[in-house]
C-alpha atoms as a PDB file:
ATOM      1  CA  MET A   1    -106.444  18.595   7.346  1.00  0.00           C
ATOM      2  CA  GLN A   2    -106.285  14.944   6.256  1.00  0.00           C
ATOM      3  CA  PHE A   3    -103.773  16.091   3.570  1.00  0.00           C
ATOM      4  CA  PHE A   4    -101.434  17.716   6.058  1.00  0.00           C
ATOM      5  CA  ALA A   5    -101.728  15.559   9.253  1.00  0.00           C
ATOM      6  CA  PRO A   6     -99.677  12.564   8.178  1.00  0.00           C
ATOM      7  CA  LYS A   7     -96.973  14.747   6.699  1.00  0.00           C
ATOM      8  CA  ILE A   8     -96.685  16.786   9.900  1.00  0.00           C
ATOM      9  CA  PHE A   9     -96.487  13.543  11.877  1.00  0.00           C
ATOM     10  CA  PHE A  10     -93.700  12.042   9.742  1.00  0.00           C
ATOM     11  CA  SER A  11     -91.903  15.437   9.818  1.00  0.00           C
ATOM     12  CA  ILE A  12     -91.922  15.495  13.542  1.00  0.00           C
ATOM     13  CA  ILE A  13     -90.625  11.867  13.667  1.00  0.00           C
ATOM     14  CA  CYS A  14     -87.851  12.369  11.071  1.00  0.00           C
ATOM     15  CA  GLY A  15     -86.735  15.759  12.320  1.00  0.00           C
ATOM     16  CA  GLY A  16     -86.826  14.595  15.947  1.00  0.00           C
ATOM     17  CA  LEU A  17     -84.764  11.524  15.175  1.00  0.00           C
ATOM     18  CA  VAL A  18     -81.955  13.500  13.554  1.00  0.00           C
ATOM     19  CA  GLY A  19     -82.342  16.239  16.141  1.00  0.00           C
ATOM     20  CA  LEU A  20     -82.021  13.845  19.039  1.00  0.00           C
ATOM     21  CA  GLU A  21     -78.591  12.835  17.842  1.00  0.00           C
ATOM     22  CA  ARG A  22     -77.510  16.456  17.686  1.00  0.00           C
ATOM     23  CA  GLU A  23     -79.084  17.252  21.056  1.00  0.00           C
ATOM     24  CA  LEU A  24     -77.243  14.433  22.799  1.00  0.00           C
ATOM     25  CA  LYS A  25     -73.901  15.974  21.528  1.00  0.00           C
ATOM     26  CA  ASN A  26     -74.880  19.427  22.789  1.00  0.00           C
ATOM     27  CA  LYS A  27     -74.918  20.874  19.292  1.00  0.00           C
ATOM     28  CA  PRO A  28     -76.637  24.206  18.586  1.00  0.00           C
ATOM     29  CA  ALA A  29     -79.256  22.725  16.287  1.00  0.00           C
ATOM     30  CA  GLY A  30     -81.092  20.125  18.425  1.00  0.00           C
ATOM     31  CA  ILE A  31     -84.511  18.469  18.498  1.00  0.00           C
ATOM     32  CA  LYS A  32     -86.606  21.638  18.254  1.00  0.00           C
ATOM     33  CA  THR A  33     -84.631  23.214  15.469  1.00  0.00           C
ATOM     34  CA  ASN A  34     -84.540  19.974  13.358  1.00  0.00           C
ATOM     35  CA  ILE A  35     -88.215  19.318  13.864  1.00  0.00           C
ATOM     36  CA  LEU A  36     -89.224  22.855  12.870  1.00  0.00           C
ATOM     37  CA  ILE A  37     -86.984  22.712   9.754  1.00  0.00           C
ATOM     38  CA  CYS A  38     -88.495  19.430   8.699  1.00  0.00           C
ATOM     39  CA  VAL A  39     -92.047  20.498   9.362  1.00  0.00           C
ATOM     40  CA  GLY A  40     -91.529  23.788   7.609  1.00  0.00           C
ATOM     41  CA  SER A  41     -90.026  22.180   4.527  1.00  0.00           C
ATOM     42  CA  ALA A  42     -92.881  19.712   4.290  1.00  0.00           C
ATOM     43  CA  LEU A  43     -95.556  22.332   4.698  1.00  0.00           C
ATOM     44  CA  TYR A  44     -93.957  24.684   2.139  1.00  0.00           C
ATOM     45  CA  THR A  45     -93.626  21.856  -0.333  1.00  0.00           C
ATOM     46  CA  SER A  46     -97.291  20.625   0.285  1.00  0.00           C
ATOM     47  CA  VAL A  47     -98.619  24.178  -0.057  1.00  0.00           C
ATOM     48  CA  SER A  48     -96.690  24.691  -3.322  1.00  0.00           C
ATOM     49  CA  ILE A  49     -98.335  21.565  -4.726  1.00  0.00           C
ATOM     50  CA  LEU A  50    -101.794  22.844  -3.662  1.00  0.00           C
ATOM     51  CA  ILE A  51    -101.106  26.197  -5.232  1.00  0.00           C
ATOM     52  CA  ALA A  52     -99.894  24.641  -8.439  1.00  0.00           C
ATOM     53  CA  THR A  53    -103.020  22.528  -8.775  1.00  0.00           C
ATOM     54  CA  SER A  54    -105.685  24.853  -7.344  1.00  0.00           C
ATOM     55  CA  LEU A  55    -106.349  26.439 -10.804  1.00  0.00           C
ATOM     56  CA  SER A  56    -105.675  23.395 -12.913  1.00  0.00           C
ATOM     57  CA  ASP A  57    -109.368  22.921 -13.713  1.00  0.00           C
ATOM     58  CA  SER A  58    -109.383  26.375 -15.474  1.00  0.00           C
ATOM     59  CA  GLY A  59    -106.338  25.519 -17.502  1.00  0.00           C
ATOM     60  CA  HIS A  60    -103.733  27.310 -15.353  1.00  0.00           C
ATOM     61  CA  PHE A  61    -100.882  25.241 -14.167  1.00  0.00           C
ATOM     62  CA  GLY A  62     -98.150  26.261 -11.703  1.00  0.00           C
ATOM     63  CA  ASP A  63     -94.636  24.936 -11.017  1.00  0.00           C
ATOM     64  CA  PRO A  64     -94.441  23.405  -7.464  1.00  0.00           C
ATOM     65  CA  SER A  65     -90.719  23.055  -7.777  1.00  0.00           C
ATOM     66  CA  ARG A  66     -90.157  26.769  -7.535  1.00  0.00           C
ATOM     67  CA  VAL A  67     -91.078  26.822  -3.815  1.00  0.00           C
ATOM     68  CA  ALA A  68     -88.880  23.800  -3.136  1.00  0.00           C
ATOM     69  CA  ALA A  69     -85.953  25.572  -4.829  1.00  0.00           C
ATOM     70  CA  GLN A  70     -86.432  28.602  -2.447  1.00  0.00           C
ATOM     71  CA  ILE A  71     -86.319  26.163   0.550  1.00  0.00           C
ATOM     72  CA  VAL A  72     -82.829  25.042  -0.618  1.00  0.00           C
ATOM     73  CA  SER A  73     -81.735  28.668  -0.921  1.00  0.00           C
ATOM     74  CA  GLY A  74     -83.356  29.772   2.369  1.00  0.00           C
ATOM     75  CA  ILE A  75     -81.957  26.917   4.480  1.00  0.00           C
ATOM     76  CA  GLY A  76     -78.452  27.998   3.429  1.00  0.00           C
ATOM     77  CA  PHE A  77     -78.731  31.103   5.507  1.00  0.00           C
ATOM     78  CA  LEU A  78     -79.861  29.116   8.572  1.00  0.00           C
ATOM     79  CA  GLY A  79     -76.934  26.699   8.067  1.00  0.00           C
ATOM     80  CA  GLY A  80     -74.545  29.525   7.637  1.00  0.00           C
ATOM     81  CA  GLY A  81     -75.470  30.845  11.030  1.00  0.00           C
ATOM     82  CA  THR A  82     -74.457  27.589  12.662  1.00  0.00           C
ATOM     83  CA  ILE A  83     -70.932  27.806  11.330  1.00  0.00           C
ATOM     84  CA  ILE A  84     -68.449  29.535  13.647  1.00  0.00           C
ATOM     85  CA  GLN A  85     -64.794  30.518  12.861  1.00  0.00           C
ATOM     86  CA  SER A  86     -62.550  30.387  15.927  1.00  0.00           C
ATOM     87  CA  ARG A  87     -58.800  30.903  15.795  1.00  0.00           C
ATOM     88  CA  GLY A  88     -58.515  29.267  12.359  1.00  0.00           C
ATOM     89  CA  THR A  89     -60.832  26.389  13.333  1.00  0.00           C
ATOM     90  CA  ILE A  90     -64.209  25.982  11.595  1.00  0.00           C
ATOM     91  CA  VAL A  91     -66.894  24.751  13.962  1.00  0.00           C
ATOM     92  CA  GLY A  92     -70.471  23.766  13.012  1.00  0.00           C
ATOM     93  CA  LEU A  93     -70.065  22.397   9.509  1.00  0.00           C
ATOM     94  CA  THR A  94     -71.621  19.067  10.452  1.00  0.00           C
ATOM     95  CA  THR A  95     -74.582  20.774  12.065  1.00  0.00           C
ATOM     96  CA  ALA A  96     -75.016  23.034   8.931  1.00  0.00           C
ATOM     97  CA  ALA A  97     -74.976  19.921   6.683  1.00  0.00           C
ATOM     98  CA  THR A  98     -77.442  18.152   8.936  1.00  0.00           C
ATOM     99  CA  ILE A  99     -79.828  21.069   8.666  1.00  0.00           C
ATOM    100  CA  TRP A 100     -79.469  21.009   4.900  1.00  0.00           C
ATOM    101  CA  VAL A 101     -80.255  17.263   4.810  1.00  0.00           C
ATOM    102  CA  VAL A 102     -83.240  17.569   7.164  1.00  0.00           C
ATOM    103  CA  ALA A 103     -84.696  20.178   4.851  1.00  0.00           C
ATOM    104  CA  ALA A 104     -84.433  17.731   2.037  1.00  0.00           C
ATOM    105  CA  ILE A 105     -86.133  15.110   4.161  1.00  0.00           C
ATOM    106  CA  GLY A 106     -89.023  17.524   4.765  1.00  0.00           C
ATOM    107  CA  ILE A 107     -89.319  18.097   0.985  1.00  0.00           C
ATOM    108  CA  CYS A 108     -89.614  14.280   0.539  1.00  0.00           C
ATOM    109  CA  ILE A 109     -92.401  14.161   3.032  1.00  0.00           C
ATOM    110  CA  GLY A 110     -94.113  17.140   1.391  1.00  0.00           C
ATOM    111  CA  ILE A 111     -94.312  15.379  -1.998  1.00  0.00           C
ATOM    112  CA  GLY A 112     -95.599  12.156  -0.357  1.00  0.00           C
ATOM    113  CA  TYR A 113     -92.511  10.013  -0.023  1.00  0.00           C
ATOM    114  CA  ALA A 114     -92.630   9.476   3.735  1.00  0.00           C
ATOM    115  CA  ASP A 115     -91.003   6.018   3.462  1.00  0.00           C
ATOM    116  CA  VAL A 116     -87.941   7.588   1.772  1.00  0.00           C
ATOM    117  CA  ALA A 117     -87.775  10.310   4.328  1.00  0.00           C
ATOM    118  CA  VAL A 118     -87.790   7.821   7.286  1.00  0.00           C
ATOM    119  CA  ALA A 119     -85.141   5.693   5.632  1.00  0.00           C
ATOM    120  CA  VAL A 120     -82.907   8.727   4.975  1.00  0.00           C
ATOM    121  CA  SER A 121     -83.397   9.959   8.528  1.00  0.00           C
ATOM    122  CA  VAL A 122     -82.242   6.552   9.945  1.00  0.00           C
ATOM    123  CA  THR A 123     -79.286   6.587   7.439  1.00  0.00           C
ATOM    124  CA  VAL A 124     -78.256  10.154   8.574  1.00  0.00           C
ATOM    125  CA  VAL A 125     -78.264   9.123  12.283  1.00  0.00           C
ATOM    126  CA  LEU A 126     -76.245   5.946  11.507  1.00  0.00           C
ATOM    127  CA  ILE A 127     -73.697   8.026   9.516  1.00  0.00           C
ATOM    128  CA  LEU A 128     -73.337  10.543  12.379  1.00  0.00           C
ATOM    129  CA  VAL A 129     -72.949   7.814  14.957  1.00  0.00           C
ATOM    130  CA  ALA A 130     -70.610   5.550  12.875  1.00  0.00           C
ATOM    131  CA  THR A 131     -68.257   8.375  11.857  1.00  0.00           C
ATOM    132  CA  ASN A 132     -67.815   9.367  15.469  1.00  0.00           C
ATOM    133  CA  VAL A 133     -66.828   5.874  16.324  1.00  0.00           C
ATOM    134  CA  PHE A 134     -64.491   5.783  13.316  1.00  0.00           C
ATOM    135  CA  GLU A 135     -62.887   8.988  14.309  1.00  0.00           C
ATOM    136  CA  ASP A 136     -62.382   7.956  17.954  1.00  0.00           C
ATOM    137  CA  ARG A 137     -60.931   4.506  17.154  1.00  0.00           C
ATOM    138  CA  VAL A 138     -59.081   5.019  13.813  1.00  0.00           C
ATOM    139  CA  LEU A 139     -58.567   8.732  13.473  1.00  0.00           C
ATOM    140  CA  GLY A 140     -58.401   9.524  17.215  1.00  0.00           C
ATOM    141  CA  ARG A 141     -54.953  10.991  17.144  1.00  0.00           C
ATOM    142  CA  SER A 142     -55.817  13.666  14.621  1.00  0.00           C
ATOM    143  CA  LEU A 143     -58.781  15.242  16.481  1.00  0.00           C
ATOM    144  CA  THR A 144     -58.293  18.899  17.400  1.00  0.00           C
ATOM    145  CA  PHE A 145     -59.709  20.521  20.559  1.00  0.00           C
ATOM    146  CA  SER A 146     -59.706  24.048  21.905  1.00  0.00           C
ATOM    147  CA  CYS A 147     -60.215  25.407  25.399  1.00  0.00           C
ATOM    148  CA  GLU A 148     -59.809  28.592  27.304  1.00  0.00           C
ATOM    149  CA  VAL A 149     -58.301  28.610  30.863  1.00  0.00           C
ATOM    150  CA  VAL A 150     -58.638  31.517  33.274  1.00  0.00           C
ATOM    151  CA  ALA A 151     -55.950  31.255  35.962  1.00  0.00           C
ATOM    152  CA  ASP A 152     -54.254  33.220  38.817  1.00  0.00           C
ATOM    153  CA  ASP A 153     -50.691  32.500  37.585  1.00  0.00           C
ATOM    154  CA  PRO A 154     -48.254  35.290  38.650  1.00  0.00           C
ATOM    155  CA  GLN A 155     -45.262  32.911  38.816  1.00  0.00           C
ATOM    156  CA  GLY A 156     -46.032  30.764  35.757  1.00  0.00           C
ATOM    157  CA  ALA A 157     -46.630  27.603  37.960  1.00  0.00           C
ATOM    158  CA  VAL A 158     -50.097  26.981  36.353  1.00  0.00           C
ATOM    159  CA  ARG A 159     -48.656  27.099  32.874  1.00  0.00           C
ATOM    160  CA  GLN A 160     -46.060  24.481  33.822  1.00  0.00           C
ATOM    161  CA  ASN A 161     -48.751  22.275  35.326  1.00  0.00           C
ATOM    162  CA  ILE A 162     -50.783  22.571  32.113  1.00  0.00           C
ATOM    163  CA  ASN A 163     -47.811  21.483  30.022  1.00  0.00           C
ATOM    164  CA  GLN A 164     -47.368  18.452  32.313  1.00  0.00           C
ATOM    165  CA  ALA A 165     -51.041  17.664  32.052  1.00  0.00           C
ATOM    166  CA  LEU A 166     -50.815  17.795  28.221  1.00  0.00           C
ATOM    167  CA  ALA A 167     -47.830  15.447  28.265  1.00  0.00           C
ATOM    168  CA  LYS A 168     -49.440  13.123  30.842  1.00  0.00           C
ATOM    169  CA  ASN A 169     -52.557  12.726  28.667  1.00  0.00           C
ATOM    170  CA  ASP A 170     -50.502  12.355  25.392  1.00  0.00           C
ATOM    171  CA  LEU A 171     -51.874  15.526  23.843  1.00  0.00           C
ATOM    172  CA  VAL A 172     -49.901  17.571  21.422  1.00  0.00           C
ATOM    173  CA  LEU A 173     -50.095  21.387  21.731  1.00  0.00           C
ATOM    174  CA  ASP A 174     -50.691  22.985  18.311  1.00  0.00           C
ATOM    175  CA  ASP A 175     -51.164  26.653  19.296  1.00  0.00           C
ATOM    176  CA  PHE A 176     -51.629  28.830  22.347  1.00  0.00           C
ATOM    177  CA  ASP A 177     -52.270  32.423  23.296  1.00  0.00           C
ATOM    178  CA  ILE A 178     -51.922  34.308  26.599  1.00  0.00           C
ATOM    179  CA  ALA A 179     -53.773  37.470  27.536  1.00  0.00           C
ATOM    180  CA  GLY A 180     -54.450  39.295  30.804  1.00  0.00           C
ATOM    181  CA  ARG A 181     -57.632  40.174  32.633  1.00  0.00           C
ATOM    182  CA  GLY A 182     -56.625  42.201  35.655  1.00  0.00           C
ATOM    183  CA  THR A 183     -54.617  39.980  37.905  1.00  0.00           C
ATOM    184  CA  LEU A 184     -55.721  36.830  36.035  1.00  0.00           C
ATOM    185  CA  SER A 185     -54.205  35.200  32.915  1.00  0.00           C
ATOM    186  CA  ILE A 186     -56.329  33.891  30.070  1.00  0.00           C
ATOM    187  CA  LEU A 187     -54.730  31.004  28.230  1.00  0.00           C
ATOM    188  CA  THR A 188     -56.321  29.848  24.920  1.00  0.00           C
ATOM    189  CA  MET A 189     -55.014  26.524  23.662  1.00  0.00           C
ATOM    190  CA  ARG A 190     -55.514  24.329  20.642  1.00  0.00           C
ATOM    191  CA  TYR A 191     -54.195  20.774  20.847  1.00  0.00           C
ATOM    192  CA  SER A 192     -54.677  17.424  19.179  1.00  0.00           C
ATOM    193  CA  GLY A 193     -55.189  13.905  20.438  1.00  0.00           C
ATOM    194  CA  HIS A 194     -57.819  11.229  21.406  1.00  0.00           C
ATOM    195  CA  ARG A 195     -61.245  12.379  22.660  1.00  0.00           C
ATOM    196  CA  ALA A 196     -60.909  10.238  25.820  1.00  0.00           C
ATOM    197  CA  ASP A 197     -57.450  11.895  26.577  1.00  0.00           C
ATOM    198  CA  HIS A 198     -58.954  15.301  26.026  1.00  0.00           C
ATOM    199  CA  LYS A 199     -61.634  14.600  28.666  1.00  0.00           C
ATOM    200  CA  LYS A 200     -59.018  13.458  31.184  1.00  0.00           C
ATOM    201  CA  PHE A 201     -57.004  16.577  30.500  1.00  0.00           C
ATOM    202  CA  VAL A 202     -60.008  18.773  31.252  1.00  0.00           C
ATOM    203  CA  LEU A 203     -60.565  16.969  34.548  1.00  0.00           C
ATOM    204  CA  ASP A 204     -56.896  17.415  35.358  1.00  0.00           C
ATOM    205  CA  LEU A 205     -57.263  21.172  34.767  1.00  0.00           C
ATOM    206  CA  TRP A 206     -60.158  21.409  37.147  1.00  0.00           C
ATOM    207  CA  GLY A 207     -57.986  19.781  39.772  1.00  0.00           C
ATOM    208  CA  THR A 208     -55.076  22.250  39.274  1.00  0.00           C
ATOM    209  CA  SER A 209     -54.603  24.874  41.944  1.00  0.00           C
ATOM    210  CA  GLY A 210     -54.803  28.374  40.596  1.00  0.00           C
ATOM    211  CA  ILE A 211     -57.246  27.658  37.726  1.00  0.00           C
ATOM    212  CA  LYS A 212     -60.426  29.616  38.134  1.00  0.00           C
ATOM    213  CA  GLU A 213     -62.304  28.708  34.942  1.00  0.00           C
ATOM    214  CA  VAL A 214     -62.091  26.129  32.074  1.00  0.00           C
ATOM    215  CA  LYS A 215     -64.198  26.634  28.958  1.00  0.00           C
ATOM    216  CA  GLN A 216     -64.148  24.308  25.926  1.00  0.00           C
ATOM    217  CA  LEU A 217     -64.343  26.183  22.668  1.00  0.00           C
END
């Protein structure tokens, strides 16, 4: 137990640190997922070392890296499940990459390099936060957003109000689609602009008469 306890502790800390950042952004892989990935990777790596050395006294040596290699392969399926393709836009790549890195952090802890794991965890969080700030302030105009609007719009007045709201918030409409659901219209839009303008646009939609539902995609 003394062999595993410190590794489990550091796995919880490192996985939770990265997972907290994901959780605060409402991403699918949050605190629980990242902690379990980190703990699992550390345990698999630790067990592989124990297996490889358990028969060393009798002259039989194993290769602990074989289990670690399977962790890398296995985590790819989990990361693939977080990637969603929606109307030509790929969503979830950052979360999938984060899962991949958290697994590597767990492997570091499993082989006894907890200091490296903690340093990498802090670095990952700083990268995720810093790149968001950079995107907002420097690349803000190129961010792409998608939303689905359900509206009662028999005369087309709601669509006109949406166009006015886009122009008012300095957003550029890239693509749109209109479908019917009984007497209601479903408008799916993809547009680009600044994150702050996107938030204002969504608030304007909620205040528009005739709109029944607004869902960000």
